[in-house]
Amino acid sequence: MNRLTDREIEVMNLVTSGYDNQEIAKKLRISRNATEACVSSIYKKLDDKNKNLKKIQP
């Protein structure tokens, strides 16, 4: 399994805390597209077919 980058871990922690992509983008001062790409990469790396990150413990 590919390791998550520091940014991906940061984004994953925000997702599991209930933030949506727009809120994450604003909080991290990145574009919404960058946030969405990061979330997509997280799903791919974790092979989370249900896309249910809230079950993952930070």
C-alpha atoms as a PDB file:
ATOM      1  CA  MET A   1       0.000   0.000   0.000  1.00  0.00           C
ATOM      2  CA  ASN A   2       1.231   3.462  -0.849  1.00  0.00           C
ATOM      3  CA  ARG A   3       1.807   5.693   2.125  1.00  0.00           C
ATOM      4  CA  LEU A   4      -0.276   8.803   2.570  1.00  0.00           C
ATOM      5  CA  THR A   5       1.498  12.132   2.256  1.00  0.00           C
ATOM      6  CA  ASP A   6       1.462  14.609   5.115  1.00  0.00           C
ATOM      7  CA  ARG A   7      -1.133  16.664   3.199  1.00  0.00           C
ATOM      8  CA  GLU A   8      -3.336  13.613   2.625  1.00  0.00           C
ATOM      9  CA  ILE A   9      -3.228  12.792   6.329  1.00  0.00           C
ATOM     10  CA  GLU A  10      -4.148  16.389   7.117  1.00  0.00           C
ATOM     11  CA  VAL A  11      -7.077  16.274   4.674  1.00  0.00           C
ATOM     12  CA  MET A  12      -8.206  12.858   5.913  1.00  0.00           C
ATOM     13  CA  ASN A  13      -8.273  14.122   9.493  1.00  0.00           C
ATOM     14  CA  LEU A  14     -10.461  17.049   8.433  1.00  0.00           C
ATOM     15  CA  VAL A  15     -12.800  14.775   6.467  1.00  0.00           C
ATOM     16  CA  THR A  16     -13.176  12.454   9.444  1.00  0.00           C
ATOM     17  CA  SER A  17     -13.900  15.512  11.589  1.00  0.00           C
ATOM     18  CA  GLY A  18     -16.852  16.371   9.358  1.00  0.00           C
ATOM     19  CA  TYR A  19     -15.423  19.082   7.104  1.00  0.00           C
ATOM     20  CA  ASP A  20     -16.579  19.138   3.477  1.00  0.00           C
ATOM     21  CA  ASN A  21     -14.257  19.788   0.527  1.00  0.00           C
ATOM     22  CA  GLN A  22     -15.012  23.503   0.388  1.00  0.00           C
ATOM     23  CA  GLU A  23     -14.304  23.934   4.101  1.00  0.00           C
ATOM     24  CA  ILE A  24     -11.081  21.937   3.823  1.00  0.00           C
ATOM     25  CA  ALA A  25      -9.929  24.043   0.877  1.00  0.00           C
ATOM     26  CA  LYS A  26     -10.570  27.244   2.790  1.00  0.00           C
ATOM     27  CA  LYS A  27      -8.946  25.983   6.000  1.00  0.00           C
ATOM     28  CA  LEU A  28      -5.814  24.740   4.207  1.00  0.00           C
ATOM     29  CA  ARG A  29      -5.744  27.643   1.731  1.00  0.00           C
ATOM     30  CA  ILE A  30      -5.767  25.381  -1.298  1.00  0.00           C
ATOM     31  CA  SER A  31      -8.185  25.159  -4.207  1.00  0.00           C
ATOM     32  CA  ARG A  32     -11.271  23.010  -4.045  1.00  0.00           C
ATOM     33  CA  ASN A  33      -9.907  21.053  -7.023  1.00  0.00           C
ATOM     34  CA  ALA A  34      -6.705  20.349  -5.082  1.00  0.00           C
ATOM     35  CA  THR A  35      -8.792  19.178  -2.133  1.00  0.00           C
ATOM     36  CA  GLU A  36     -10.867  16.887  -4.332  1.00  0.00           C
ATOM     37  CA  ALA A  37      -7.732  15.457  -5.964  1.00  0.00           C
ATOM     38  CA  CYS A  38      -6.247  14.809  -2.537  1.00  0.00           C
ATOM     39  CA  VAL A  39      -9.401  13.064  -1.305  1.00  0.00           C
ATOM     40  CA  SER A  40      -9.483  10.977  -4.475  1.00  0.00           C
ATOM     41  CA  SER A  41      -5.868   9.964  -3.929  1.00  0.00           C
ATOM     42  CA  ILE A  42      -6.659   8.984  -0.343  1.00  0.00           C
ATOM     43  CA  TYR A  43      -9.527   6.748  -1.498  1.00  0.00           C
ATOM     44  CA  LYS A  44      -7.303   5.133  -4.093  1.00  0.00           C
ATOM     45  CA  LYS A  45      -4.453   4.526  -1.673  1.00  0.00           C
ATOM     46  CA  LEU A  46      -6.726   3.111   0.995  1.00  0.00           C
ATOM     47  CA  ASP A  47      -8.728   1.110  -1.543  1.00  0.00           C
ATOM     48  CA  ASP A  48     -11.868   2.279   0.200  1.00  0.00           C
ATOM     49  CA  LYS A  49     -14.524   1.222  -2.251  1.00  0.00           C
ATOM     50  CA  ASN A  50     -17.355   2.557  -0.092  1.00  0.00           C
ATOM     51  CA  LYS A  51     -15.688   5.969   0.239  1.00  0.00           C
ATOM     52  CA  ASN A  52     -16.607   6.071   3.882  1.00  0.00           C
ATOM     53  CA  LEU A  53     -13.638   7.817   5.505  1.00  0.00           C
ATOM     54  CA  LYS A  54     -15.641   8.589   8.629  1.00  0.00           C
ATOM     55  CA  LYS A  55     -15.072   5.002   9.754  1.00  0.00           C
ATOM     56  CA  ILE A  56     -11.292   5.518   9.685  1.00  0.00           C
ATOM     57  CA  GLN A  57      -9.802   6.547  12.987  1.00  0.00           C
ATOM     58  CA  PRO A  58      -7.362   9.498  12.681  1.00  0.00           C
END
